[in-house]
Protein backbone atom coordinates (compact mmCIF):
# COMPACT_ATOMS: atom_id res chain seq x y z
CA MET A 1 -4.25 -4.19 11.33
CA PHE A 2 -5.95 -5.24 8.09
CA ASP A 3 -9.11 -6.25 9.95
CA GLY A 4 -9.50 -2.66 11.13
CA VAL A 5 -9.14 -1.02 7.71
CA ALA A 6 -11.21 -3.51 5.70
CA PRO A 7 -14.34 -1.33 5.18
CA SER A 8 -12.35 1.60 3.75
CA TYR A 9 -9.44 -0.34 2.25
CA ASP A 10 -10.37 -0.13 -1.44
CA LEU A 11 -11.36 3.54 -1.25
CA MET A 12 -8.08 4.47 0.45
CA ASN A 13 -6.11 2.51 -2.15
CA ALA A 14 -7.78 4.49 -4.93
CA LEU A 15 -7.05 7.79 -3.18
CA LEU A 16 -3.44 7.02 -2.28
CA SER A 17 -2.62 5.68 -5.76
CA LEU A 18 -4.38 8.57 -7.53
CA GLY A 19 -6.66 6.05 -9.19
CA GLN A 20 -3.83 3.96 -10.65
CA ASP A 21 -4.87 0.87 -8.67
CA ALA A 22 -7.62 0.11 -11.21
CA HIS A 23 -5.07 0.15 -14.05
CA TRP A 24 -2.73 -2.15 -12.10
CA ARG A 25 -5.56 -4.63 -11.45
CA GLN A 26 -6.50 -4.67 -15.14
CA ALA A 27 -2.88 -5.34 -16.11
CA THR A 28 -2.66 -8.18 -13.59
CA THR A 29 -5.85 -9.78 -14.89
CA ALA A 30 -4.62 -9.53 -18.49
CA ALA A 31 -1.21 -11.01 -17.59
CA LEU A 32 -2.75 -14.01 -15.82
CA ASP A 33 -5.06 -14.60 -18.81
CA ALA A 34 -7.48 -16.81 -16.88
CA LYS A 35 -9.69 -18.98 -19.07
CA PRO A 36 -13.31 -19.98 -18.38
CA GLY A 37 -13.42 -22.94 -16.02
CA GLU A 38 -9.83 -22.64 -14.83
CA ARG A 39 -9.19 -22.90 -11.10
CA VAL A 40 -7.41 -19.76 -9.92
CA LEU A 41 -5.99 -19.00 -6.47
CA ASP A 42 -6.03 -15.32 -5.51
CA LEU A 43 -3.83 -15.09 -2.42
CA ALA A 44 -4.01 -11.99 -0.21
CA ALA A 45 -7.28 -11.26 -1.99
CA GLY A 46 -8.44 -8.71 0.56
CA THR A 47 -12.01 -7.64 -0.13
CA GLY A 48 -12.01 -9.29 -3.56
CA ALA A 49 -11.15 -6.35 -5.81
CA SER A 50 -8.50 -8.52 -7.50
CA SER A 51 -10.75 -11.60 -7.62
CA LEU A 52 -13.79 -10.04 -9.26
CA PRO A 53 -12.22 -9.51 -12.74
CA LEU A 54 -11.09 -13.15 -12.72
CA VAL A 55 -14.61 -14.31 -11.85
CA ARG A 56 -15.96 -12.18 -14.69
CA ALA A 57 -13.50 -13.91 -17.03
CA GLY A 58 -15.19 -17.21 -16.13
CA ALA A 59 -12.52 -18.63 -13.81
CA ARG A 60 -13.32 -20.58 -10.64
CA VAL A 61 -11.66 -18.26 -8.14
CA PHE A 62 -10.64 -19.11 -4.59
CA ALA A 63 -9.94 -15.88 -2.70
CA VAL A 64 -7.64 -16.51 0.27
CA ASP A 65 -6.64 -13.97 2.91
CA ARG A 66 -5.29 -14.25 6.43
CA SER A 67 -7.37 -11.29 7.65
CA THR A 68 -10.79 -12.35 8.89
CA GLY A 69 -11.95 -8.75 8.60
CA MET A 70 -11.01 -8.59 4.91
CA VAL A 71 -12.70 -11.92 4.23
CA ALA A 72 -15.88 -10.81 6.03
CA GLU A 73 -15.97 -7.57 4.05
CA GLY A 74 -15.36 -9.47 0.81
CA ARG A 75 -18.17 -11.94 1.49
CA HIS A 76 -20.49 -9.02 2.16
CA ARG A 77 -19.57 -7.21 -1.08
CA HIS A 78 -19.17 -10.20 -3.40
CA PRO A 79 -21.15 -13.17 -2.04
CA GLY A 80 -20.58 -15.15 -5.24
CA ILE A 81 -16.83 -15.50 -4.63
CA ALA A 82 -15.43 -18.39 -2.59
CA TYR A 83 -13.52 -16.74 0.30
CA ILE A 84 -11.23 -18.69 2.59
CA VAL A 85 -9.25 -17.56 5.63
CA GLY A 86 -5.78 -19.01 5.16
CA ASP A 87 -2.05 -18.56 5.61
CA GLY A 88 0.14 -18.18 2.53
CA GLU A 89 2.85 -20.35 4.09
CA ALA A 90 0.44 -23.26 4.71
CA LEU A 91 -2.29 -23.17 2.08
CA PRO A 92 -5.27 -25.48 2.75
CA PHE A 93 -5.14 -27.13 -0.68
CA ALA A 94 -3.74 -30.32 -2.17
CA ASP A 95 -0.77 -30.36 -4.52
CA ALA A 96 -1.41 -29.21 -8.11
CA THR A 97 -4.91 -27.92 -7.34
CA PHE A 98 -4.83 -24.72 -9.44
CA ASP A 99 -4.26 -23.80 -13.07
CA ALA A 100 -3.01 -20.35 -12.09
CA ALA A 101 -2.26 -18.25 -9.02
CA THR A 102 -1.88 -14.58 -8.31
CA VAL A 103 -0.98 -12.22 -5.47
CA SER A 104 -1.70 -8.49 -5.68
CA PHE A 105 0.07 -6.17 -3.24
CA GLY A 106 0.28 -8.88 -0.61
CA LEU A 107 3.63 -10.61 -0.92
CA ARG A 108 5.52 -7.84 0.88
CA ASN A 109 3.18 -8.27 3.88
CA MET A 110 4.28 -11.88 4.36
CA THR A 111 7.10 -12.71 6.75
CA HIS A 112 8.74 -15.36 4.55
CA PRO A 113 8.00 -14.53 0.90
CA VAL A 114 10.14 -17.33 -0.55
CA ALA A 115 8.23 -19.86 1.55
CA VAL A 116 4.97 -18.41 0.21
CA LEU A 117 6.24 -18.66 -3.38
CA ARG A 118 7.19 -22.31 -2.75
CA GLU A 119 3.74 -23.00 -1.36
CA LEU A 120 2.15 -21.36 -4.41
CA ALA A 121 4.29 -23.63 -6.59
CA ARG A 122 3.11 -26.66 -4.64
CA VAL A 123 -0.58 -25.97 -5.19
CA THR A 124 -0.19 -24.97 -8.85
CA ALA A 125 -0.34 -27.72 -11.49
CA PRO A 126 2.60 -28.32 -13.86
CA GLY A 127 2.47 -25.73 -16.63
CA GLY A 128 0.42 -23.39 -14.46
CA ARG A 129 0.99 -19.65 -14.29
CA LEU A 130 1.81 -17.22 -11.51
CA VAL A 131 1.46 -13.43 -11.60
CA ILE A 132 2.63 -11.29 -8.70
CA CYS A 133 1.63 -7.62 -8.74
CA GLU A 134 3.66 -5.66 -6.22
CA PHE A 135 5.12 -2.23 -5.56
CA SER A 136 8.68 -2.04 -6.78
CA THR A 137 11.67 0.18 -7.59
CA PRO A 138 11.11 2.91 -10.21
CA GLY A 139 13.72 3.07 -12.95
CA PRO A 140 14.24 6.78 -13.68
CA LEU A 141 16.03 8.55 -10.84
CA TRP A 142 13.69 11.55 -11.01
CA LEU A 143 10.65 9.29 -10.66
CA ARG A 144 12.28 7.44 -7.79
CA ALA A 145 12.88 10.73 -5.97
CA VAL A 146 9.29 11.91 -6.50
CA TYR A 147 7.84 8.54 -5.55
CA TYR A 148 9.88 8.12 -2.37
CA GLY A 149 9.01 11.68 -1.41
CA TRP A 150 5.34 10.80 -1.87
CA LEU A 151 5.71 7.76 0.37
CA ARG A 152 7.56 9.64 3.12
CA LEU A 153 5.54 12.87 3.13
CA VAL A 154 2.17 12.64 1.40
CA ILE A 155 0.94 9.20 2.45
CA PRO A 156 1.42 9.93 6.18
CA LEU A 157 -0.71 13.08 5.73
CA GLU A 158 -3.41 11.31 3.70
CA SER A 159 -3.44 8.47 6.21
CA LEU A 160 -5.17 10.83 8.64
CA LEU A 161 -8.32 10.22 6.55
CA SER A 162 -8.20 6.59 7.65
CA ALA A 163 -9.64 5.13 10.83
CA ASN A 164 -6.22 3.53 11.40
CA PRO A 165 -3.44 5.96 10.36
CA ALA A 166 -0.70 3.64 11.66
CA SER A 167 -1.60 1.06 9.03
CA TYR A 168 -0.77 3.51 6.25
CA ILE A 169 2.50 4.47 7.89
CA TYR A 170 3.26 0.76 7.74
CA LEU A 171 2.18 0.71 4.07
CA ALA A 172 4.69 3.40 3.13
CA GLN A 173 7.53 1.79 5.09
CA SER A 174 6.85 -1.68 3.68
CA ILE A 175 7.12 -0.28 0.14
CA LEU A 176 10.34 1.57 0.94
CA ASP A 177 11.82 -1.62 2.41
CA TRP A 178 10.76 -3.89 -0.47
CA PRO A 179 13.60 -5.14 -2.70
CA SER A 180 14.16 -4.57 -6.40
CA GLN A 181 12.61 -6.41 -9.32
CA ARG A 182 15.82 -8.42 -9.75
CA MET A 183 15.77 -9.76 -6.19
CA VAL A 184 12.11 -10.76 -6.39
CA ALA A 185 12.87 -12.59 -9.64
CA GLY A 186 15.60 -14.48 -7.78
CA TRP A 187 13.10 -15.49 -5.12
CA LEU A 188 10.76 -16.87 -7.77
CA ARG A 189 13.52 -19.03 -9.25
CA GLU A 190 14.59 -20.19 -5.78
CA ALA A 191 11.00 -21.26 -5.11
CA GLY A 192 10.92 -23.43 -8.23
CA TRP A 193 9.25 -21.17 -10.80
CA THR A 194 10.55 -21.13 -14.36
CA GLN A 195 10.25 -18.68 -17.29
CA VAL A 196 10.55 -15.91 -14.71
CA ALA A 197 10.13 -12.39 -16.08
CA HIS A 198 8.76 -9.03 -15.02
CA ARG A 199 7.15 -5.98 -16.59
CA ASN A 200 7.16 -2.54 -15.03
CA LEU A 201 3.96 -0.54 -14.67
CA SER A 202 3.91 3.21 -14.03
CA GLY A 203 7.64 3.47 -14.57
CA GLY A 204 8.46 0.71 -12.10
CA ILE A 205 6.35 1.98 -9.21
CA VAL A 206 4.63 -1.39 -9.64
CA ALA A 207 5.99 -4.54 -11.27
CA LEU A 208 4.23 -7.61 -12.62
CA HIS A 209 6.33 -10.72 -11.91
CA ARG A 210 5.49 -13.85 -13.91
CA GLY A 211 6.48 -17.48 -13.65
CA ARG A 212 5.58 -21.00 -14.82
CA ARG A 213 5.26 -24.13 -12.74
């Protein structure tokens, strides 16, 4: 599914989020606070939109995605980034390889998210940081009603602009099915992360989840 939408993926994200995706990426980059020379794993990196700001910060970024189409598109757009086709439940890296790790809008696409969080803990060095940026549950009831209406009605209509409308139907449903901030925090602790916390963006439409190894 992701192979088929790779060429238009970033454009559709900007359209469907009303341009908020750029703000969410900036917040994720700031929260990770990657330093020059640090080794950073960007899992579910897609075409590299989340990796590029980390590269610009001077980090040594390894962009991993299971979709060969996304990786091919990323290599075409950003040839300076190290792209790797890989599975989040079996990362091709040794223990304690990275200073920091991040996943942007990819955890909910993984069948066993706790297993992925454990694997991220394995490859992150002691003291290392994790930032997960993911759609979440808005706090105010009025915003929740508007947002869920958007997912159920507007996204299916806008998906007709895509070459693969079914993928955006899946997008909306995966967001509706995703658990609350509190449950995701519990997963992080279960996977071995400490100092677990989250910060809502856009009223809780998106949440940044943080942890320490």
